[in-house]
PDB file of N, CA and C in Angstrom:
ATOM      1  N   MET A   1      30.466  -4.106   4.407  1.00  0.00           N
ATOM      2  CA  MET A   1      29.691  -3.349   5.365  1.00  0.00           C
ATOM      3  C   MET A   1      28.935  -2.217   4.673  1.00  0.00           C
ATOM      4  N   LEU A   2      29.567  -1.597   3.687  1.00  0.00           N
ATOM      5  CA  LEU A   2      28.917  -0.495   2.973  1.00  0.00           C
ATOM      6  C   LEU A   2      27.659  -0.972   2.268  1.00  0.00           C
ATOM      7  N   TYR A   3      27.707  -2.168   1.689  1.00  0.00           N
ATOM      8  CA  TYR A   3      26.534  -2.701   1.002  1.00  0.00           C
ATOM      9  C   TYR A   3      25.381  -2.958   1.966  1.00  0.00           C
ATOM     10  N   ARG A   4      25.686  -3.390   3.164  1.00  0.00           N
ATOM     11  CA  ARG A   4      24.641  -3.622   4.165  1.00  0.00           C
ATOM     12  C   ARG A   4      23.964  -2.319   4.555  1.00  0.00           C
ATOM     13  N   VAL A   5      24.749  -1.297   4.800  1.00  0.00           N
ATOM     14  CA  VAL A   5      24.187   0.011   5.153  1.00  0.00           C
ATOM     15  C   VAL A   5      23.375   0.557   3.992  1.00  0.00           C
ATOM     16  N   LEU A   6      23.922   0.447   2.795  1.00  0.00           N
ATOM     17  CA  LEU A   6      23.226   0.917   1.602  1.00  0.00           C
ATOM     18  C   LEU A   6      21.920   0.150   1.389  1.00  0.00           C
ATOM     19  N   THR A   7      21.916  -1.143   1.647  1.00  0.00           N
ATOM     20  CA  THR A   7      20.708  -1.952   1.499  1.00  0.00           C
ATOM     21  C   THR A   7      19.668  -1.582   2.551  1.00  0.00           C
ATOM     22  N   ILE A   8      20.086  -1.330   3.769  1.00  0.00           N
ATOM     23  CA  ILE A   8      19.147  -0.913   4.819  1.00  0.00           C
ATOM     24  C   ILE A   8      18.535   0.436   4.478  1.00  0.00           C
ATOM     25  N   ILE A   9      19.347   1.376   4.043  1.00  0.00           N
ATOM     26  CA  ILE A   9      18.827   2.694   3.651  1.00  0.00           C
ATOM     27  C   ILE A   9      17.888   2.547   2.455  1.00  0.00           C
ATOM     28  N   GLY A  10      18.287   1.722   1.497  1.00  0.00           N
ATOM     29  CA  GLY A  10      17.413   1.472   0.347  1.00  0.00           C
ATOM     30  C   GLY A  10      16.103   0.832   0.760  1.00  0.00           C
ATOM     31  N   GLY A  11      16.152  -0.081   1.697  1.00  0.00           N
ATOM     32  CA  GLY A  11      14.927  -0.714   2.201  1.00  0.00           C
ATOM     33  C   GLY A  11      13.993   0.289   2.841  1.00  0.00           C
ATOM     34  N   LEU A  12      14.547   1.200   3.622  1.00  0.00           N
ATOM     35  CA  LEU A  12      13.727   2.251   4.236  1.00  0.00           C
ATOM     36  C   LEU A  12      13.105   3.161   3.184  1.00  0.00           C
ATOM     37  N   VAL A  13      13.875   3.476   2.161  1.00  0.00           N
ATOM     38  CA  VAL A  13      13.348   4.306   1.069  1.00  0.00           C
ATOM     39  C   VAL A  13      12.196   3.586   0.382  1.00  0.00           C
ATOM     40  N   PHE A  14      12.317   2.284   0.197  1.00  0.00           N
ATOM     41  CA  PHE A  14      11.247   1.543  -0.463  1.00  0.00           C
ATOM     42  C   PHE A  14      10.028   1.347   0.427  1.00  0.00           C
ATOM     43  N   VAL A  15      10.201   1.345   1.735  1.00  0.00           N
ATOM     44  CA  VAL A  15       9.042   1.329   2.637  1.00  0.00           C
ATOM     45  C   VAL A  15       8.276   2.642   2.480  1.00  0.00           C
ATOM     46  N   ILE A  16       8.997   3.740   2.419  1.00  0.00           N
ATOM     47  CA  ILE A  16       8.366   5.038   2.200  1.00  0.00           C
ATOM     48  C   ILE A  16       7.689   5.064   0.831  1.00  0.00           C
ATOM     49  N   ALA A  17       8.350   4.488  -0.168  1.00  0.00           N
ATOM     50  CA  ALA A  17       7.766   4.438  -1.509  1.00  0.00           C
ATOM     51  C   ALA A  17       6.490   3.595  -1.516  1.00  0.00           C
ATOM     52  N   LEU A  18       6.468   2.503  -0.757  1.00  0.00           N
ATOM     53  CA  LEU A  18       5.268   1.669  -0.681  1.00  0.00           C
ATOM     54  C   LEU A  18       4.107   2.466  -0.102  1.00  0.00           C
ATOM     55  N   TYR A  19       4.362   3.190   0.996  1.00  0.00           N
ATOM     56  CA  TYR A  19       3.298   4.001   1.580  1.00  0.00           C
ATOM     57  C   TYR A  19       2.828   5.067   0.594  1.00  0.00           C
ATOM     58  N   ALA A  20       3.767   5.699  -0.107  1.00  0.00           N
ATOM     59  CA  ALA A  20       3.402   6.734  -1.077  1.00  0.00           C
ATOM     60  C   ALA A  20       2.544   6.151  -2.200  1.00  0.00           C
ATOM     61  N   LEU A  21       2.868   4.961  -2.661  1.00  0.00           N
ATOM     62  CA  LEU A  21       2.058   4.320  -3.697  1.00  0.00           C
ATOM     63  C   LEU A  21       0.661   3.980  -3.188  1.00  0.00           C
ATOM     64  N   VAL A  22       0.564   3.452  -1.979  1.00  0.00           N
ATOM     65  CA  VAL A  22      -0.745   3.143  -1.404  1.00  0.00           C
ATOM     66  C   VAL A  22      -1.562   4.426  -1.284  1.00  0.00           C
ATOM     67  N   TRP A  23      -0.947   5.506  -0.808  1.00  0.00           N
ATOM     68  CA  TRP A  23      -1.647   6.788  -0.668  1.00  0.00           C
ATOM     69  C   TRP A  23      -2.118   7.300  -2.028  1.00  0.00           C
ATOM     70  N   PHE A  24      -1.246   7.236  -3.032  1.00  0.00           N
ATOM     71  CA  PHE A  24      -1.600   7.713  -4.364  1.00  0.00           C
ATOM     72  C   PHE A  24      -2.780   6.925  -4.934  1.00  0.00           C
ATOM     73  N   PHE A  25      -2.733   5.597  -4.817  1.00  0.00           N
ATOM     74  CA  PHE A  25      -3.820   4.782  -5.341  1.00  0.00           C
ATOM     75  C   PHE A  25      -5.116   4.994  -4.558  1.00  0.00           C
ATOM     76  N   CYS A  26      -5.020   5.201  -3.257  1.00  0.00           N
ATOM     77  CA  CYS A  26      -6.218   5.486  -2.460  1.00  0.00           C
ATOM     78  C   CYS A  26      -6.826   6.830  -2.861  1.00  0.00           C
ATOM     79  N   LYS A  27      -5.985   7.813  -3.090  1.00  0.00           N
ATOM     80  CA  LYS A  27      -6.477   9.127  -3.515  1.00  0.00           C
ATOM     81  C   LYS A  27      -7.166   9.025  -4.869  1.00  0.00           C
ATOM     82  N   LYS A  28      -6.556   8.319  -5.805  1.00  0.00           N
ATOM     83  CA  LYS A  28      -7.171   8.141  -7.128  1.00  0.00           C
ATOM     84  C   LYS A  28      -8.485   7.366  -7.011  1.00  0.00           C
ATOM     85  N   PHE A  29      -8.549   6.386  -6.125  1.00  0.00           N
ATOM     86  CA  PHE A  29      -9.779   5.639  -5.902  1.00  0.00           C
ATOM     87  C   PHE A  29     -10.883   6.569  -5.417  1.00  0.00           C
ATOM     88  N   LEU A  30     -10.584   7.396  -4.427  1.00  0.00           N
ATOM     89  CA  LEU A  30     -11.589   8.310  -3.882  1.00  0.00           C
ATOM     90  C   LEU A  30     -12.047   9.315  -4.937  1.00  0.00           C
ATOM     91  N   GLU A  31     -11.105   9.856  -5.711  1.00  0.00           N
ATOM     92  CA  GLU A  31     -11.476  10.796  -6.763  1.00  0.00           C
ATOM     93  C   GLU A  31     -12.331  10.116  -7.827  1.00  0.00           C
ATOM     94  N   HIS A  32     -12.008   8.879  -8.146  1.00  0.00           N
ATOM     95  CA  HIS A  32     -12.767   8.117  -9.145  1.00  0.00           C
ATOM     96  C   HIS A  32     -14.210   7.895  -8.696  1.00  0.00           C
ATOM     97  N   HIS A  33     -14.415   7.764  -7.391  1.00  0.00           N
ATOM     98  CA  HIS A  33     -15.749   7.529  -6.856  1.00  0.00           C
ATOM     99  C   HIS A  33     -16.441   8.811  -6.398  1.00  0.00           C
ATOM    100  N   GLY A  34     -15.956   9.949  -6.839  1.00  0.00           N
ATOM    101  CA  GLY A  34     -16.656  11.211  -6.627  1.00  0.00           C
ATOM    102  C   GLY A  34     -16.463  11.884  -5.286  1.00  0.00           C
ATOM    103  N   VAL A  35     -15.500  11.466  -4.511  1.00  0.00           N
ATOM    104  CA  VAL A  35     -15.238  12.127  -3.231  1.00  0.00           C
ATOM    105  C   VAL A  35     -14.478  13.415  -3.513  1.00  0.00           C
ATOM    106  N   THR A  36     -15.016  14.537  -3.060  1.00  0.00           N
ATOM    107  CA  THR A  36     -14.363  15.828  -3.293  1.00  0.00           C
ATOM    108  C   THR A  36     -14.012  16.546  -1.996  1.00  0.00           C
ATOM    109  N   ASP A  37     -14.642  16.177  -0.903  1.00  0.00           N
ATOM    110  CA  ASP A  37     -14.419  16.852   0.371  1.00  0.00           C
ATOM    111  C   ASP A  37     -13.232  16.218   1.101  1.00  0.00           C
ATOM    112  N   ARG A  38     -12.191  17.012   1.361  1.00  0.00           N
ATOM    113  CA  ARG A  38     -11.003  16.576   2.106  1.00  0.00           C
ATOM    114  C   ARG A  38     -10.412  15.285   1.550  1.00  0.00           C
ATOM    115  N   VAL A  39     -10.169  15.248   0.268  1.00  0.00           N
ATOM    116  CA  VAL A  39      -9.671  14.039  -0.390  1.00  0.00           C
ATOM    117  C   VAL A  39      -8.311  13.627   0.164  1.00  0.00           C
ATOM    118  N   SER A  40      -7.410  14.573   0.361  1.00  0.00           N
ATOM    119  CA  SER A  40      -6.068  14.224   0.862  1.00  0.00           C
ATOM    120  C   SER A  40      -6.128  13.638   2.272  1.00  0.00           C
ATOM    121  N   ASP A  41      -6.954  14.225   3.134  1.00  0.00           N
ATOM    122  CA  ASP A  41      -7.084  13.701   4.494  1.00  0.00           C
ATOM    123  C   ASP A  41      -7.688  12.305   4.498  1.00  0.00           C
ATOM    124  N   ARG A  42      -8.712  12.130   3.694  1.00  0.00           N
ATOM    125  CA  ARG A  42      -9.351  10.825   3.623  1.00  0.00           C
ATOM    126  C   ARG A  42      -8.407   9.783   3.011  1.00  0.00           C
ATOM    127  N   ALA A  43      -7.654  10.194   1.995  1.00  0.00           N
ATOM    128  CA  ALA A  43      -6.691   9.280   1.383  1.00  0.00           C
ATOM    129  C   ALA A  43      -5.604   8.907   2.386  1.00  0.00           C
ATOM    130  N   THR A  44      -5.198   9.848   3.214  1.00  0.00           N
ATOM    131  CA  THR A  44      -4.186   9.563   4.231  1.00  0.00           C
ATOM    132  C   THR A  44      -4.702   8.546   5.240  1.00  0.00           C
ATOM    133  N   ALA A  45      -5.930   8.715   5.705  1.00  0.00           N
ATOM    134  CA  ALA A  45      -6.500   7.760   6.656  1.00  0.00           C
ATOM    135  C   ALA A  45      -6.650   6.384   6.016  1.00  0.00           C
ATOM    136  N   LEU A  46      -7.148   6.358   4.796  1.00  0.00           N
ATOM    137  CA  LEU A  46      -7.333   5.097   4.085  1.00  0.00           C
ATOM    138  C   LEU A  46      -5.992   4.412   3.828  1.00  0.00           C
ATOM    139  N   ALA A  47      -4.994   5.184   3.404  1.00  0.00           N
ATOM    140  CA  ALA A  47      -3.674   4.628   3.112  1.00  0.00           C
ATOM    141  C   ALA A  47      -2.977   4.151   4.382  1.00  0.00           C
ATOM    142  N   THR A  48      -3.126   4.881   5.464  1.00  0.00           N
ATOM    143  CA  THR A  48      -2.462   4.508   6.713  1.00  0.00           C
ATOM    144  C   THR A  48      -2.964   3.160   7.210  1.00  0.00           C
ATOM    145  N   TRP A  49      -4.277   2.973   7.222  1.00  0.00           N
ATOM    146  CA  TRP A  49      -4.817   1.705   7.691  1.00  0.00           C
ATOM    147  C   TRP A  49      -4.529   0.572   6.715  1.00  0.00           C
ATOM    148  N   THR A  50      -4.581   0.861   5.419  1.00  0.00           N
ATOM    149  CA  THR A  50      -4.254  -0.168   4.434  1.00  0.00           C
ATOM    150  C   THR A  50      -2.790  -0.575   4.569  1.00  0.00           C
ATOM    151  N   PHE A  51      -1.908   0.407   4.727  1.00  0.00           N
ATOM    152  CA  PHE A  51      -0.481   0.132   4.907  1.00  0.00           C
ATOM    153  C   PHE A  51      -0.245  -0.669   6.194  1.00  0.00           C
ATOM    154  N   ALA A  52      -0.970  -0.329   7.249  1.00  0.00           N
ATOM    155  CA  ALA A  52      -0.840  -1.088   8.498  1.00  0.00           C
ATOM    156  C   ALA A  52      -1.263  -2.538   8.297  1.00  0.00           C
ATOM    157  N   GLY A  53      -2.343  -2.749   7.558  1.00  0.00           N
ATOM    158  CA  GLY A  53      -2.778  -4.118   7.262  1.00  0.00           C
ATOM    159  C   GLY A  53      -1.750  -4.879   6.456  1.00  0.00           C
ATOM    160  N   ILE A  54      -1.170  -4.203   5.460  1.00  0.00           N
ATOM    161  CA  ILE A  54      -0.121  -4.837   4.660  1.00  0.00           C
ATOM    162  C   ILE A  54       1.069  -5.192   5.545  1.00  0.00           C
ATOM    163  N   SER A  55       1.480  -4.262   6.373  1.00  0.00           N
ATOM    164  CA  SER A  55       2.668  -4.466   7.218  1.00  0.00           C
ATOM    165  C   SER A  55       2.474  -5.609   8.198  1.00  0.00           C
ATOM    166  N   ILE A  56       1.342  -5.642   8.863  1.00  0.00           N
ATOM    167  CA  ILE A  56       1.073  -6.725   9.811  1.00  0.00           C
ATOM    168  C   ILE A  56       0.982  -8.051   9.067  1.00  0.00           C
ATOM    169  N   GLY A  57       0.362  -8.030   7.901  1.00  0.00           N
ATOM    170  CA  GLY A  57       0.260  -9.247   7.098  1.00  0.00           C
ATOM    171  C   GLY A  57       1.606  -9.754   6.639  1.00  0.00           C
ATOM    172  N   LEU A  58       2.514  -8.847   6.308  1.00  0.00           N
ATOM    173  CA  LEU A  58       3.854  -9.258   5.884  1.00  0.00           C
ATOM    174  C   LEU A  58       4.650  -9.859   7.032  1.00  0.00           C
ATOM    175  N   VAL A  59       4.409  -9.401   8.250  1.00  0.00           N
ATOM    176  CA  VAL A  59       5.134  -9.933   9.405  1.00  0.00           C
ATOM    177  C   VAL A  59       4.736 -11.383   9.647  1.00  0.00           C
ATOM    178  N   PHE A  60       3.445 -11.679   9.596  1.00  0.00           N
ATOM    179  CA  PHE A  60       2.985 -13.034   9.899  1.00  0.00           C
ATOM    180  C   PHE A  60       3.251 -13.999   8.751  1.00  0.00           C
ATOM    181  N   ALA A  61       2.953 -13.590   7.560  1.00  0.00           N
ATOM    182  CA  ALA A  61       3.207 -14.405   6.365  1.00  0.00           C
ATOM    183  C   ALA A  61       2.968 -13.481   5.182  1.00  0.00           C
ATOM    184  N   VAL A  62       3.709 -13.664   4.151  1.00  0.00           N
ATOM    185  CA  VAL A  62       3.589 -12.779   2.989  1.00  0.00           C
ATOM    186  C   VAL A  62       2.154 -12.776   2.474  1.00  0.00           C
ATOM    187  N   VAL A  63       1.499 -13.915   2.495  1.00  0.00           N
ATOM    188  CA  VAL A  63       0.121 -14.007   2.019  1.00  0.00           C
ATOM    189  C   VAL A  63      -0.812 -13.148   2.880  1.00  0.00           C
ATOM    190  N   GLY A  64      -0.465 -12.960   4.141  1.00  0.00           N
ATOM    191  CA  GLY A  64      -1.285 -12.159   5.035  1.00  0.00           C
ATOM    192  C   GLY A  64      -1.446 -10.725   4.574  1.00  0.00           C
ATOM    193  N   ALA A  65      -0.466 -10.204   3.853  1.00  0.00           N
ATOM    194  CA  ALA A  65      -0.562  -8.834   3.345  1.00  0.00           C
ATOM    195  C   ALA A  65      -1.710  -8.703   2.360  1.00  0.00           C
ATOM    196  N   PHE A  66      -1.966  -9.777   1.616  1.00  0.00           N
ATOM    197  CA  PHE A  66      -3.031  -9.747   0.618  1.00  0.00           C
ATOM    198  C   PHE A  66      -4.397 -10.042   1.226  1.00  0.00           C
ATOM    199  N   LEU A  67      -4.414 -10.393   2.496  1.00  0.00           N
ATOM    200  CA  LEU A  67      -5.671 -10.570   3.213  1.00  0.00           C
ATOM    201  C   LEU A  67      -5.959  -9.374   4.121  1.00  0.00           C
ATOM    202  N   LEU A  68      -4.981  -8.991   4.932  1.00  0.00           N
ATOM    203  CA  LEU A  68      -5.196  -7.901   5.876  1.00  0.00           C
ATOM    204  C   LEU A  68      -5.206  -6.529   5.216  1.00  0.00           C
ATOM    205  N   GLY A  69      -4.429  -6.337   4.144  1.00  0.00           N
ATOM    206  CA  GLY A  69      -4.418  -5.048   3.445  1.00  0.00           C
ATOM    207  C   GLY A  69      -5.774  -4.695   2.868  1.00  0.00           C
ATOM    208  N   PRO A  70      -6.377  -5.576   2.037  1.00  0.00           N
ATOM    209  CA  PRO A  70      -7.713  -5.278   1.511  1.00  0.00           C
ATOM    210  C   PRO A  70      -8.784  -5.185   2.601  1.00  0.00           C
ATOM    211  N   TRP A  71      -8.652  -5.998   3.651  1.00  0.00           N
ATOM    212  CA  TRP A  71      -9.624  -5.930   4.743  1.00  0.00           C
ATOM    213  C   TRP A  71      -9.545  -4.580   5.444  1.00  0.00           C
ATOM    214  N   ALA A  72      -8.325  -4.097   5.699  1.00  0.00           N
ATOM    215  CA  ALA A  72      -8.158  -2.789   6.331  1.00  0.00           C
ATOM    216  C   ALA A  72      -8.681  -1.681   5.416  1.00  0.00           C
ATOM    217  N   PHE A  73      -8.452  -1.803   4.124  1.00  0.00           N
ATOM    218  CA  PHE A  73      -8.978  -0.839   3.157  1.00  0.00           C
ATOM    219  C   PHE A  73     -10.505  -0.822   3.230  1.00  0.00           C
ATOM    220  N   TYR A  74     -11.106  -1.992   3.206  1.00  0.00           N
ATOM    221  CA  TYR A  74     -12.564  -2.102   3.253  1.00  0.00           C
ATOM    222  C   TYR A  74     -13.125  -1.509   4.542  1.00  0.00           C
ATOM    223  N   ARG A  75     -12.551  -1.868   5.687  1.00  0.00           N
ATOM    224  CA  ARG A  75     -13.060  -1.380   6.975  1.00  0.00           C
ATOM    225  C   ARG A  75     -12.934   0.135   7.085  1.00  0.00           C
ATOM    226  N   THR A  76     -11.837   0.686   6.609  1.00  0.00           N
ATOM    227  CA  THR A  76     -11.648   2.129   6.667  1.00  0.00           C
ATOM    228  C   THR A  76     -12.578   2.828   5.683  1.00  0.00           C
ATOM    229  N   LEU A  77     -12.765   2.245   4.519  1.00  0.00           N
ATOM    230  CA  LEU A  77     -13.630   2.842   3.502  1.00  0.00           C
ATOM    231  C   LEU A  77     -15.072   2.928   3.977  1.00  0.00           C
ATOM    232  N   ARG A  78     -15.522   1.964   4.765  1.00  0.00           N
ATOM    233  CA  ARG A  78     -16.895   1.985   5.292  1.00  0.00           C
ATOM    234  C   ARG A  78     -17.137   3.261   6.101  1.00  0.00           C
ATOM    235  N   GLY A  79     -16.141   3.792   6.749  1.00  0.00           N
ATOM    236  CA  GLY A  79     -16.289   5.002   7.551  1.00  0.00           C
ATOM    237  C   GLY A  79     -16.302   6.286   6.742  1.00  0.00           C
ATOM    238  N   HIS A  80     -16.005   6.198   5.460  1.00  0.00           N
ATOM    239  CA  HIS A  80     -15.952   7.394   4.623  1.00  0.00           C
ATOM    240  C   HIS A  80     -17.211   7.596   3.799  1.00  0.00           C
ATOM    241  N   GLY A  81     -18.143   6.708   3.856  1.00  0.00           N
ATOM    242  CA  GLY A  81     -19.415   6.878   3.181  1.00  0.00           C
ATOM    243  C   GLY A  81     -19.350   6.875   1.659  1.00  0.00           C
ATOM    244  N   VAL A  82     -18.407   6.152   1.085  1.00  0.00           N
ATOM    245  CA  VAL A  82     -18.313   6.052  -0.370  1.00  0.00           C
ATOM    246  C   VAL A  82     -19.347   5.039  -0.843  1.00  0.00           C
ATOM    247  N   ALA A  83     -20.098   5.415  -1.868  1.00  0.00           N
ATOM    248  CA  ALA A  83     -21.155   4.546  -2.389  1.00  0.00           C
ATOM    249  C   ALA A  83     -20.557   3.447  -3.262  1.00  0.00           C
ATOM    250  N   ILE A  84     -20.221   2.332  -2.626  1.00  0.00           N
ATOM    251  CA  ILE A  84     -19.638   1.192  -3.335  1.00  0.00           C
ATOM    252  C   ILE A  84     -20.022  -0.063  -2.570  1.00  0.00           C
ATOM    253  N   SER A  85     -20.224  -1.156  -3.291  1.00  0.00           N
ATOM    254  CA  SER A  85     -20.613  -2.399  -2.632  1.00  0.00           C
ATOM    255  C   SER A  85     -19.437  -2.974  -1.831  1.00  0.00           C
ATOM    256  N   ASP A  86     -19.783  -3.849  -0.902  1.00  0.00           N
ATOM    257  CA  ASP A  86     -18.745  -4.456  -0.063  1.00  0.00           C
ATOM    258  C   ASP A  86     -17.747  -5.254  -0.888  1.00  0.00           C
ATOM    259  N   GLY A  87     -18.262  -6.058  -1.809  1.00  0.00           N
ATOM    260  CA  GLY A  87     -17.381  -6.870  -2.641  1.00  0.00           C
ATOM    261  C   GLY A  87     -16.460  -6.021  -3.499  1.00  0.00           C
ATOM    262  N   ALA A  88     -17.012  -4.961  -4.088  1.00  0.00           N
ATOM    263  CA  ALA A  88     -16.188  -4.076  -4.919  1.00  0.00           C
ATOM    264  C   ALA A  88     -15.128  -3.376  -4.085  1.00  0.00           C
ATOM    265  N   ALA A  89     -15.464  -2.998  -2.857  1.00  0.00           N
ATOM    266  CA  ALA A  89     -14.485  -2.338  -1.988  1.00  0.00           C
ATOM    267  C   ALA A  89     -13.326  -3.271  -1.664  1.00  0.00           C
ATOM    268  N   ILE A  90     -13.634  -4.526  -1.404  1.00  0.00           N
ATOM    269  CA  ILE A  90     -12.572  -5.492  -1.107  1.00  0.00           C
ATOM    270  C   ILE A  90     -11.696  -5.710  -2.335  1.00  0.00           C
ATOM    271  N   TRP A  91     -12.313  -5.836  -3.515  1.00  0.00           N
ATOM    272  CA  TRP A  91     -11.526  -6.028  -4.736  1.00  0.00           C
ATOM    273  C   TRP A  91     -10.690  -4.809  -5.071  1.00  0.00           C
ATOM    274  N   TRP A  92     -11.227  -3.612  -4.852  1.00  0.00           N
ATOM    275  CA  TRP A  92     -10.422  -2.400  -5.052  1.00  0.00           C
ATOM    276  C   TRP A  92      -9.245  -2.396  -4.087  1.00  0.00           C
ATOM    277  N   GLY A  93      -9.481  -2.767  -2.837  1.00  0.00           N
ATOM    278  CA  GLY A  93      -8.389  -2.843  -1.862  1.00  0.00           C
ATOM    279  C   GLY A  93      -7.342  -3.850  -2.273  1.00  0.00           C
ATOM    280  N   PHE A  94      -7.783  -4.998  -2.768  1.00  0.00           N
ATOM    281  CA  PHE A  94      -6.850  -6.017  -3.235  1.00  0.00           C
ATOM    282  C   PHE A  94      -6.026  -5.492  -4.408  1.00  0.00           C
ATOM    283  N   GLY A  95      -6.663  -4.790  -5.313  1.00  0.00           N
ATOM    284  CA  GLY A  95      -5.951  -4.218  -6.460  1.00  0.00           C
ATOM    285  C   GLY A  95      -4.922  -3.182  -6.040  1.00  0.00           C
ATOM    286  N   ILE A  96      -5.290  -2.346  -5.091  1.00  0.00           N
ATOM    287  CA  ILE A  96      -4.357  -1.330  -4.588  1.00  0.00           C
ATOM    288  C   ILE A  96      -3.163  -1.995  -3.910  1.00  0.00           C
ATOM    289  N   VAL A  97      -3.428  -3.013  -3.105  1.00  0.00           N
ATOM    290  CA  VAL A  97      -2.342  -3.736  -2.427  1.00  0.00           C
ATOM    291  C   VAL A  97      -1.440  -4.424  -3.448  1.00  0.00           C
ATOM    292  N   MET A  98      -2.049  -5.096  -4.423  1.00  0.00           N
ATOM    293  CA  MET A  98      -1.258  -5.804  -5.453  1.00  0.00           C
ATOM    294  C   MET A  98      -0.391  -4.834  -6.249  1.00  0.00           C
ATOM    295  N   ALA A  99      -0.981  -3.736  -6.706  1.00  0.00           N
ATOM    296  CA  ALA A  99      -0.229  -2.777  -7.519  1.00  0.00           C
ATOM    297  C   ALA A  99       0.907  -2.150  -6.707  1.00  0.00           C
ATOM    298  N   SER A 100       0.615  -1.738  -5.481  1.00  0.00           N
ATOM    299  CA  SER A 100       1.628  -1.090  -4.650  1.00  0.00           C
ATOM    300  C   SER A 100       2.771  -2.035  -4.310  1.00  0.00           C
ATOM    301  N   LEU A 101       2.438  -3.239  -3.877  1.00  0.00           N
ATOM    302  CA  LEU A 101       3.485  -4.202  -3.532  1.00  0.00           C
ATOM    303  C   LEU A 101       4.261  -4.650  -4.765  1.00  0.00           C
ATOM    304  N   GLY A 102       3.570  -4.807  -5.881  1.00  0.00           N
ATOM    305  CA  GLY A 102       4.249  -5.227  -7.113  1.00  0.00           C
ATOM    306  C   GLY A 102       5.253  -4.200  -7.594  1.00  0.00           C
ATOM    307  N   ILE A 103       4.844  -2.940  -7.653  1.00  0.00           N
ATOM    308  CA  ILE A 103       5.748  -1.873  -8.094  1.00  0.00           C
ATOM    309  C   ILE A 103       6.932  -1.746  -7.144  1.00  0.00           C
ATOM    310  N   THR A 104       6.654  -1.797  -5.845  1.00  0.00           N
ATOM    311  CA  THR A 104       7.727  -1.679  -4.863  1.00  0.00           C
ATOM    312  C   THR A 104       8.673  -2.874  -4.938  1.00  0.00           C
ATOM    313  N   ALA A 105       8.151  -4.076  -5.094  1.00  0.00           N
ATOM    314  CA  ALA A 105       8.994  -5.271  -5.166  1.00  0.00           C
ATOM    315  C   ALA A 105       9.898  -5.240  -6.398  1.00  0.00           C
ATOM    316  N   ILE A 106       9.360  -4.829  -7.523  1.00  0.00           N
ATOM    317  CA  ILE A 106      10.174  -4.735  -8.742  1.00  0.00           C
ATOM    318  C   ILE A 106      11.282  -3.699  -8.554  1.00  0.00           C
ATOM    319  N   GLY A 107      10.930  -2.552  -7.985  1.00  0.00           N
ATOM    320  CA  GLY A 107      11.937  -1.513  -7.741  1.00  0.00           C
ATOM    321  C   GLY A 107      13.006  -1.967  -6.763  1.00  0.00           C
ATOM    322  N   PHE A 108      12.589  -2.643  -5.687  1.00  0.00           N
ATOM    323  CA  PHE A 108      13.559  -3.089  -4.692  1.00  0.00           C
ATOM    324  C   PHE A 108      14.453  -4.188  -5.254  1.00  0.00           C
ATOM    325  N   PHE A 109      13.891  -5.082  -6.054  1.00  0.00           N
ATOM    326  CA  PHE A 109      14.707  -6.109  -6.685  1.00  0.00           C
ATOM    327  C   PHE A 109      15.746  -5.454  -7.612  1.00  0.00           C
ATOM    328  N   GLY A 110      15.327  -4.457  -8.374  1.00  0.00           N
ATOM    329  CA  GLY A 110      16.273  -3.731  -9.236  1.00  0.00           C
ATOM    330  C   GLY A 110      17.362  -3.048  -8.416  1.00  0.00           C
ATOM    331  N   PHE A 111      16.977  -2.508  -7.267  1.00  0.00           N
ATOM    332  CA  PHE A 111      17.951  -1.874  -6.371  1.00  0.00           C
ATOM    333  C   PHE A 111      18.958  -2.897  -5.861  1.00  0.00           C
ATOM    334  N   LEU A 112      18.478  -4.062  -5.455  1.00  0.00           N
ATOM    335  CA  LEU A 112      19.387  -5.098  -4.965  1.00  0.00           C
ATOM    336  C   LEU A 112      20.345  -5.566  -6.047  1.00  0.00           C
ATOM    337  N   VAL A 113      19.862  -5.672  -7.263  1.00  0.00           N
ATOM    338  CA  VAL A 113      20.734  -6.051  -8.369  1.00  0.00           C
ATOM    339  C   VAL A 113      21.766  -4.949  -8.623  1.00  0.00           C
ATOM    340  N   ALA A 114      21.331  -3.683  -8.540  1.00  0.00           N
ATOM    341  CA  ALA A 114      22.231  -2.554  -8.800  1.00  0.00           C
ATOM    342  C   ALA A 114      23.370  -2.473  -7.786  1.00  0.00           C
ATOM    343  N   VAL A 115      23.087  -2.813  -6.519  1.00  0.00           N
ATOM    344  CA  VAL A 115      24.145  -2.739  -5.507  1.00  0.00           C
ATOM    345  C   VAL A 115      24.911  -4.059  -5.388  1.00  0.00           C
ATOM    346  N   GLY A 116      24.515  -5.046  -6.157  1.00  0.00           N
ATOM    347  CA  GLY A 116      25.233  -6.318  -6.149  1.00  0.00           C
ATOM    348  C   GLY A 116      24.853  -7.239  -5.003  1.00  0.00           C
ATOM    349  N   ALA A 117      23.739  -6.989  -4.365  1.00  0.00           N
ATOM    350  CA  ALA A 117      23.322  -7.836  -3.256  1.00  0.00           C
ATOM    351  C   ALA A 117      22.540  -9.055  -3.707  1.00  0.00           C
ATOM    352  N   TYR A 118      22.167  -9.057  -4.971  1.00  0.00           N
ATOM    353  CA  TYR A 118      21.417 -10.211  -5.490  1.00  0.00           C
ATOM    354  C   TYR A 118      21.980 -10.630  -6.812  1.00  0.00           C
TER     355      TYR A 118
END
């Protein structure tokens, strides 16, 4: 029973870590493209919608996260007036989703091995 509780708490921590990674990568993306006005607020909006796309995509099928996450990133980015092409915005969103999910998955797998659940 202790391992189940520990795994649930660990899972929640990794969900928070996933959002933090998406936010960090979105902030770095905006800074890289010259956005200086309210970067944290804009990164929060961009990360929230991207995270929502990832989450909804994961519920329907794991592959959906790699479709809905970049799409949500692209749609939200259009509202921020960043000078970037549509294709580049989608690829940046895909990269952010891949990096965030990859880092989180590796960490969570290590956590499961550490607690003996895998």
